[in-house]
Amino acid sequence: KFGDTHVLVTATLEDRLPPWLKGQGRGWVTAEYGMLPRATSERTRREAAAGKQSGRTVEIQRLIGRALRAAVDLEALGERQITIDCDVIQADGGTRTASITGAWVALAECIGWMKGRNMFKNGNGDKVLRDNIAAISCGIYQGTPVLDLDYAEDSEADTDANFVMTGDGRIIEIQGTAEKTPFSQAEFLKLMALAQQGIGRLVDLQKMAII
């Protein structure tokens, strides 16, 4: 839960791989993302009923997968695939950042489950997960940098950005847009510093969740 944004996240271990990865001695981590029709204040049509995924959905699930793979040693994982499913059951802004942060917890629990069943060879179980991954949104709202914008703040923000980082503060991805007014480099650096603080707190919560 990120405030009033709630995402159900699960991890599934499979012995199958994408065809282009077979026989290469490494695994894969991928993600799927979806939003329930009444996750928002007004019902949205199911994408299955529309017959295709929206561009937004495709973008977000690719982002989740990229972010998680940055923390995983795919060779140590072996020829297996872990699929992360992120289903938004209530949305109040920041669904992609909540999904990424929760997805890492699900991934860590899956790898812990595998280690408990001696599914790794040569001590690779301790090498698979290299770092925590968390994400947070930041924006300039009414002239003030704000962390983890809700829907109302996001709708009125001058600037909106999403930061994905490792547990030690390295950057995986930044998505930033000037919604109303262009922002300066100094303002951007303030947002990044705020995001680093927020992600530090999220990483602490992740560690508590998997103890």
C-alpha atoms as a PDB file:
ATOM      1  CA  LYS A   1       0.000   0.000   0.000  1.00  0.00           C
ATOM      2  CA  PHE A   2       1.187   3.481  -0.934  1.00  0.00           C
ATOM      3  CA  GLY A   3      -1.406   5.563   0.899  1.00  0.00           C
ATOM      4  CA  ASP A   4      -4.678   4.985  -0.930  1.00  0.00           C
ATOM      5  CA  THR A   5      -2.974   3.172  -3.801  1.00  0.00           C
ATOM      6  CA  HIS A   6      -3.202  -0.573  -3.233  1.00  0.00           C
ATOM      7  CA  VAL A   7      -1.517  -3.140  -5.484  1.00  0.00           C
ATOM      8  CA  LEU A   8      -1.667  -6.931  -5.194  1.00  0.00           C
ATOM      9  CA  VAL A   9       1.697  -8.349  -6.272  1.00  0.00           C
ATOM     10  CA  THR A  10       2.565 -12.016  -6.780  1.00  0.00           C
ATOM     11  CA  ALA A  11       5.578 -13.899  -8.131  1.00  0.00           C
ATOM     12  CA  THR A  12       5.382 -17.125 -10.139  1.00  0.00           C
ATOM     13  CA  LEU A  13       8.364 -19.401 -10.785  1.00  0.00           C
ATOM     14  CA  GLU A  14       8.332 -21.284 -14.080  1.00  0.00           C
ATOM     15  CA  ASP A  15      10.776 -23.664 -15.727  1.00  0.00           C
ATOM     16  CA  ARG A  16       9.994 -22.300 -19.186  1.00  0.00           C
ATOM     17  CA  LEU A  17      11.857 -19.453 -20.877  1.00  0.00           C
ATOM     18  CA  PRO A  18      11.241 -17.185 -23.867  1.00  0.00           C
ATOM     19  CA  PRO A  19      12.405 -19.062 -27.010  1.00  0.00           C
ATOM     20  CA  TRP A  20      15.250 -16.616 -27.636  1.00  0.00           C
ATOM     21  CA  LEU A  21      16.743 -17.389 -24.185  1.00  0.00           C
ATOM     22  CA  LYS A  22      16.714 -21.182 -24.310  1.00  0.00           C
ATOM     23  CA  GLY A  23      20.079 -22.876 -23.953  1.00  0.00           C
ATOM     24  CA  GLN A  24      21.922 -19.729 -22.879  1.00  0.00           C
ATOM     25  CA  GLY A  25      22.323 -20.748 -19.238  1.00  0.00           C
ATOM     26  CA  ARG A  26      20.499 -17.782 -17.770  1.00  0.00           C
ATOM     27  CA  GLY A  27      17.036 -16.942 -16.578  1.00  0.00           C
ATOM     28  CA  TRP A  28      14.542 -14.136 -17.012  1.00  0.00           C
ATOM     29  CA  VAL A  29      12.398 -11.861 -14.886  1.00  0.00           C
ATOM     30  CA  THR A  30       9.331 -10.297 -16.454  1.00  0.00           C
ATOM     31  CA  ALA A  31       6.195  -8.527 -15.283  1.00  0.00           C
ATOM     32  CA  GLU A  32       2.551  -8.024 -16.125  1.00  0.00           C
ATOM     33  CA  TYR A  33       0.491  -5.070 -14.916  1.00  0.00           C
ATOM     34  CA  GLY A  34      -3.223  -4.426 -14.830  1.00  0.00           C
ATOM     35  CA  MET A  35      -5.817  -2.257 -13.167  1.00  0.00           C
ATOM     36  CA  LEU A  36      -9.219  -3.464 -11.988  1.00  0.00           C
ATOM     37  CA  PRO A  37     -12.176  -1.583 -13.484  1.00  0.00           C
ATOM     38  CA  ARG A  38     -13.179   0.025 -10.177  1.00  0.00           C
ATOM     39  CA  ALA A  39      -9.672   0.789  -8.990  1.00  0.00           C
ATOM     40  CA  THR A  40     -10.452   4.365 -10.019  1.00  0.00           C
ATOM     41  CA  SER A  41     -13.273   6.700  -9.015  1.00  0.00           C
ATOM     42  CA  GLU A  42     -15.022   6.005 -12.312  1.00  0.00           C
ATOM     43  CA  ARG A  43     -15.096   2.541 -13.824  1.00  0.00           C
ATOM     44  CA  THR A  44     -12.618   1.898 -16.615  1.00  0.00           C
ATOM     45  CA  ARG A  45     -13.236  -0.751 -19.238  1.00  0.00           C
ATOM     46  CA  ARG A  46     -11.326  -4.004 -18.888  1.00  0.00           C
ATOM     47  CA  GLU A  47      -8.561  -4.204 -21.438  1.00  0.00           C
ATOM     48  CA  ALA A  48      -9.538  -7.807 -22.144  1.00  0.00           C
ATOM     49  CA  ALA A  49     -12.968  -6.560 -23.210  1.00  0.00           C
ATOM     50  CA  ALA A  50     -11.340  -3.999 -25.486  1.00  0.00           C
ATOM     51  CA  GLY A  51      -9.265  -6.751 -27.074  1.00  0.00           C
ATOM     52  CA  LYS A  52      -5.851  -5.196 -26.485  1.00  0.00           C
ATOM     53  CA  GLN A  53      -3.636  -3.659 -23.838  1.00  0.00           C
ATOM     54  CA  SER A  54      -3.295   0.103 -23.699  1.00  0.00           C
ATOM     55  CA  GLY A  55       0.034   1.734 -24.467  1.00  0.00           C
ATOM     56  CA  ARG A  56       0.197   2.827 -20.829  1.00  0.00           C
ATOM     57  CA  THR A  57      -0.157  -0.744 -19.570  1.00  0.00           C
ATOM     58  CA  VAL A  58       2.540  -2.037 -21.920  1.00  0.00           C
ATOM     59  CA  GLU A  59       4.876   0.792 -20.907  1.00  0.00           C
ATOM     60  CA  ILE A  60       4.392   0.176 -17.183  1.00  0.00           C
ATOM     61  CA  GLN A  61       4.875  -3.580 -17.273  1.00  0.00           C
ATOM     62  CA  ARG A  62       8.037  -3.169 -19.335  1.00  0.00           C
ATOM     63  CA  LEU A  63       9.283  -0.638 -16.801  1.00  0.00           C
ATOM     64  CA  ILE A  64       8.621  -3.048 -13.923  1.00  0.00           C
ATOM     65  CA  GLY A  65      10.487  -5.850 -15.688  1.00  0.00           C
ATOM     66  CA  ARG A  66      13.465  -3.629 -16.555  1.00  0.00           C
ATOM     67  CA  ALA A  67      13.685  -2.343 -13.013  1.00  0.00           C
ATOM     68  CA  LEU A  68      13.676  -5.804 -11.459  1.00  0.00           C
ATOM     69  CA  ARG A  69      16.217  -7.238 -13.885  1.00  0.00           C
ATOM     70  CA  ALA A  70      18.633  -4.512 -12.816  1.00  0.00           C
ATOM     71  CA  ALA A  71      18.774  -6.215  -9.408  1.00  0.00           C
ATOM     72  CA  VAL A  72      19.025  -9.832 -10.565  1.00  0.00           C
ATOM     73  CA  ASP A  73      21.995 -11.911 -11.671  1.00  0.00           C
ATOM     74  CA  LEU A  74      20.222 -13.786 -14.458  1.00  0.00           C
ATOM     75  CA  GLU A  75      23.002 -16.360 -14.823  1.00  0.00           C
ATOM     76  CA  ALA A  76      22.818 -17.199 -11.122  1.00  0.00           C
ATOM     77  CA  LEU A  77      19.039 -17.571 -11.488  1.00  0.00           C
ATOM     78  CA  GLY A  78      19.563 -20.397 -13.956  1.00  0.00           C
ATOM     79  CA  GLU A  79      17.256 -21.351 -16.810  1.00  0.00           C
ATOM     80  CA  ARG A  80      14.049 -20.310 -15.088  1.00  0.00           C
ATOM     81  CA  GLN A  81      11.594 -17.470 -15.420  1.00  0.00           C
ATOM     82  CA  ILE A  82      10.002 -15.477 -12.609  1.00  0.00           C
ATOM     83  CA  THR A  83       6.852 -13.634 -13.636  1.00  0.00           C
ATOM     84  CA  ILE A  84       5.630 -10.801 -11.439  1.00  0.00           C
ATOM     85  CA  ASP A  85       1.928  -9.916 -11.607  1.00  0.00           C
ATOM     86  CA  CYS A  86       0.923  -6.452 -10.402  1.00  0.00           C
ATOM     87  CA  ASP A  87      -2.828  -5.910 -10.102  1.00  0.00           C
ATOM     88  CA  VAL A  88      -3.982  -2.477  -8.991  1.00  0.00           C
ATOM     89  CA  ILE A  89      -7.065  -2.836  -6.806  1.00  0.00           C
ATOM     90  CA  GLN A  90      -7.253   0.820  -5.763  1.00  0.00           C
ATOM     91  CA  ALA A  91      -5.567   3.747  -7.505  1.00  0.00           C
ATOM     92  CA  ASP A  92      -4.743   7.161  -6.082  1.00  0.00           C
ATOM     93  CA  GLY A  93      -1.631   8.034  -8.058  1.00  0.00           C
ATOM     94  CA  GLY A  94       1.751   6.321  -8.172  1.00  0.00           C
ATOM     95  CA  THR A  95       0.542   2.912  -9.333  1.00  0.00           C
ATOM     96  CA  ARG A  96       3.730   2.172 -11.269  1.00  0.00           C
ATOM     97  CA  THR A  97       6.016   3.142  -8.394  1.00  0.00           C
ATOM     98  CA  ALA A  98       3.972   1.131  -5.897  1.00  0.00           C
ATOM     99  CA  SER A  99       4.050  -1.821  -8.300  1.00  0.00           C
ATOM    100  CA  ILE A 100       7.832  -1.723  -8.666  1.00  0.00           C
ATOM    101  CA  THR A 101       8.419  -1.444  -4.927  1.00  0.00           C
ATOM    102  CA  GLY A 102       6.017  -4.275  -4.141  1.00  0.00           C
ATOM    103  CA  ALA A 103       7.324  -6.354  -7.034  1.00  0.00           C
ATOM    104  CA  TRP A 104      10.795  -6.409  -5.510  1.00  0.00           C
ATOM    105  CA  VAL A 105       9.357  -7.808  -2.268  1.00  0.00           C
ATOM    106  CA  ALA A 106       7.510 -10.545  -4.173  1.00  0.00           C
ATOM    107  CA  LEU A 107      10.678 -11.328  -6.134  1.00  0.00           C
ATOM    108  CA  ALA A 108      12.778 -11.491  -2.967  1.00  0.00           C
ATOM    109  CA  GLU A 109      10.270 -13.815  -1.311  1.00  0.00           C
ATOM    110  CA  CYS A 110      10.246 -16.063  -4.388  1.00  0.00           C
ATOM    111  CA  ILE A 111      14.035 -16.292  -4.411  1.00  0.00           C
ATOM    112  CA  GLY A 112      14.019 -16.952  -0.664  1.00  0.00           C
ATOM    113  CA  TRP A 113      11.523 -19.774  -1.245  1.00  0.00           C
ATOM    114  CA  MET A 114      13.833 -21.236  -3.889  1.00  0.00           C
ATOM    115  CA  LYS A 115      16.838 -21.028  -1.574  1.00  0.00           C
ATOM    116  CA  GLY A 116      14.893 -22.814   1.154  1.00  0.00           C
ATOM    117  CA  ARG A 117      14.379 -25.722  -1.233  1.00  0.00           C
ATOM    118  CA  ASN A 118      18.013 -25.849  -2.384  1.00  0.00           C
ATOM    119  CA  MET A 119      17.090 -24.975  -5.955  1.00  0.00           C
ATOM    120  CA  PHE A 120      20.366 -23.162  -6.643  1.00  0.00           C
ATOM    121  CA  LYS A 121      23.735 -24.730  -7.402  1.00  0.00           C
ATOM    122  CA  ASN A 122      27.204 -23.640  -6.264  1.00  0.00           C
ATOM    123  CA  GLY A 123      25.919 -21.103  -3.763  1.00  0.00           C
ATOM    124  CA  ASN A 124      24.195 -19.074  -6.474  1.00  0.00           C
ATOM    125  CA  GLY A 125      21.226 -18.448  -4.207  1.00  0.00           C
ATOM    126  CA  ASP A 126      23.220 -15.762  -2.424  1.00  0.00           C
ATOM    127  CA  LYS A 127      24.199 -14.133  -5.724  1.00  0.00           C
ATOM    128  CA  VAL A 128      20.836 -13.895  -7.467  1.00  0.00           C
ATOM    129  CA  LEU A 129      19.462 -10.781  -5.810  1.00  0.00           C
ATOM    130  CA  ARG A 130      22.096  -8.060  -5.941  1.00  0.00           C
ATOM    131  CA  ASP A 131      20.253  -5.139  -4.356  1.00  0.00           C
ATOM    132  CA  ASN A 132      16.898  -3.719  -3.369  1.00  0.00           C
ATOM    133  CA  ILE A 133      14.838  -1.878  -5.973  1.00  0.00           C
ATOM    134  CA  ALA A 134      12.254   0.751  -5.090  1.00  0.00           C
ATOM    135  CA  ALA A 135      10.469   3.590  -6.853  1.00  0.00           C
ATOM    136  CA  ILE A 136       8.720   6.799  -5.867  1.00  0.00           C
ATOM    137  CA  SER A 137       7.067   9.752  -7.560  1.00  0.00           C
ATOM    138  CA  CYS A 138       8.003  13.379  -6.965  1.00  0.00           C
ATOM    139  CA  GLY A 139       6.628  16.590  -8.325  1.00  0.00           C
ATOM    140  CA  ILE A 140       6.406  20.325  -7.937  1.00  0.00           C
ATOM    141  CA  TYR A 141       2.941  21.100  -6.614  1.00  0.00           C
ATOM    142  CA  GLN A 142       1.945  24.691  -5.944  1.00  0.00           C
ATOM    143  CA  GLY A 143       5.608  25.661  -6.109  1.00  0.00           C
ATOM    144  CA  THR A 144       6.746  23.082  -3.556  1.00  0.00           C
ATOM    145  CA  PRO A 145       8.565  19.763  -4.154  1.00  0.00           C
ATOM    146  CA  VAL A 146       6.251  16.938  -3.022  1.00  0.00           C
ATOM    147  CA  LEU A 147       7.015  13.249  -2.500  1.00  0.00           C
ATOM    148  CA  ASP A 148       4.594  10.488  -3.569  1.00  0.00           C
ATOM    149  CA  LEU A 149       1.911  12.611  -5.204  1.00  0.00           C
ATOM    150  CA  ASP A 150      -1.666  11.434  -4.927  1.00  0.00           C
ATOM    151  CA  TYR A 151      -4.067  11.702  -7.870  1.00  0.00           C
ATOM    152  CA  ALA A 152      -5.279  15.195  -7.003  1.00  0.00           C
ATOM    153  CA  GLU A 153      -1.731  16.515  -6.589  1.00  0.00           C
ATOM    154  CA  ASP A 154      -0.531  14.765  -9.732  1.00  0.00           C
ATOM    155  CA  SER A 155      -3.384  16.268 -11.764  1.00  0.00           C
ATOM    156  CA  GLU A 156      -2.405  19.804 -10.746  1.00  0.00           C
ATOM    157  CA  ALA A 157       1.375  19.431 -10.510  1.00  0.00           C
ATOM    158  CA  ASP A 158       3.684  21.719 -12.473  1.00  0.00           C
ATOM    159  CA  THR A 159       6.217  18.905 -12.741  1.00  0.00           C
ATOM    160  CA  ASP A 160       5.837  15.152 -12.334  1.00  0.00           C
ATOM    161  CA  ALA A 161       8.669  12.610 -12.154  1.00  0.00           C
ATOM    162  CA  ASN A 162       9.150   8.947 -11.279  1.00  0.00           C
ATOM    163  CA  PHE A 163      12.454   7.715  -9.872  1.00  0.00           C
ATOM    164  CA  VAL A 164      13.556   4.067  -9.781  1.00  0.00           C
ATOM    165  CA  MET A 165      16.682   3.393  -7.731  1.00  0.00           C
ATOM    166  CA  THR A 166      18.686   0.658  -6.086  1.00  0.00           C
ATOM    167  CA  GLY A 167      18.979   0.338  -2.349  1.00  0.00           C
ATOM    168  CA  ASP A 168      22.334   2.111  -2.386  1.00  0.00           C
ATOM    169  CA  GLY A 169      20.965   5.082  -4.325  1.00  0.00           C
ATOM    170  CA  ARG A 170      22.038   4.261  -7.877  1.00  0.00           C
ATOM    171  CA  ILE A 171      19.618   5.281 -10.608  1.00  0.00           C
ATOM    172  CA  ILE A 172      17.820   2.733 -12.761  1.00  0.00           C
ATOM    173  CA  GLU A 173      15.308   4.969 -14.491  1.00  0.00           C
ATOM    174  CA  ILE A 174      13.936   8.494 -14.321  1.00  0.00           C
ATOM    175  CA  GLN A 175      10.742   9.605 -16.029  1.00  0.00           C
ATOM    176  CA  GLY A 176      10.107  13.339 -15.779  1.00  0.00           C
ATOM    177  CA  THR A 177       7.723  15.751 -17.471  1.00  0.00           C
ATOM    178  CA  ALA A 178       6.945  19.431 -17.164  1.00  0.00           C
ATOM    179  CA  GLU A 179       3.156  19.349 -17.076  1.00  0.00           C
ATOM    180  CA  LYS A 180       2.628  23.113 -16.953  1.00  0.00           C
ATOM    181  CA  THR A 181       5.912  24.949 -16.402  1.00  0.00           C
ATOM    182  CA  PRO A 182       9.434  23.881 -17.447  1.00  0.00           C
ATOM    183  CA  PHE A 183      11.656  23.085 -14.481  1.00  0.00           C
ATOM    184  CA  SER A 184      15.258  24.045 -13.851  1.00  0.00           C
ATOM    185  CA  GLN A 185      18.223  21.799 -13.176  1.00  0.00           C
ATOM    186  CA  ALA A 186      18.226  23.020  -9.573  1.00  0.00           C
ATOM    187  CA  GLU A 187      14.570  22.025  -9.183  1.00  0.00           C
ATOM    188  CA  PHE A 188      15.294  18.634 -10.716  1.00  0.00           C
ATOM    189  CA  LEU A 189      18.133  18.026  -8.266  1.00  0.00           C
ATOM    190  CA  LYS A 190      15.807  18.909  -5.383  1.00  0.00           C
ATOM    191  CA  LEU A 191      13.306  16.347  -6.652  1.00  0.00           C
ATOM    192  CA  MET A 192      16.007  13.705  -6.983  1.00  0.00           C
ATOM    193  CA  ALA A 193      17.261  14.349  -3.447  1.00  0.00           C
ATOM    194  CA  LEU A 194      13.695  14.067  -2.168  1.00  0.00           C
ATOM    195  CA  ALA A 195      13.220  10.836  -4.103  1.00  0.00           C
ATOM    196  CA  GLN A 196      16.419   9.380  -2.627  1.00  0.00           C
ATOM    197  CA  GLN A 197      15.103  10.062   0.866  1.00  0.00           C
ATOM    198  CA  GLY A 198      11.784   8.416   0.062  1.00  0.00           C
ATOM    199  CA  ILE A 199      13.396   5.410  -1.556  1.00  0.00           C
ATOM    200  CA  GLY A 200      15.679   4.991   1.445  1.00  0.00           C
ATOM    201  CA  ARG A 201      12.596   4.717   3.637  1.00  0.00           C
ATOM    202  CA  LEU A 202      10.942   2.287   1.218  1.00  0.00           C
ATOM    203  CA  VAL A 203      14.024   0.069   1.220  1.00  0.00           C
ATOM    204  CA  ASP A 204      13.899  -0.063   5.019  1.00  0.00           C
ATOM    205  CA  LEU A 205      10.259  -1.162   4.802  1.00  0.00           C
ATOM    206  CA  GLN A 206      11.114  -3.781   2.180  1.00  0.00           C
ATOM    207  CA  LYS A 207      13.757  -5.270   4.447  1.00  0.00           C
ATOM    208  CA  MET A 208      11.275  -5.408   7.310  1.00  0.00           C
ATOM    209  CA  ALA A 209       8.725  -7.135   5.070  1.00  0.00           C
ATOM    210  CA  ILE A 210      10.985 -10.052   4.142  1.00  0.00           C
ATOM    211  CA  ILE A 211      12.577 -10.724   7.535  1.00  0.00           C
END
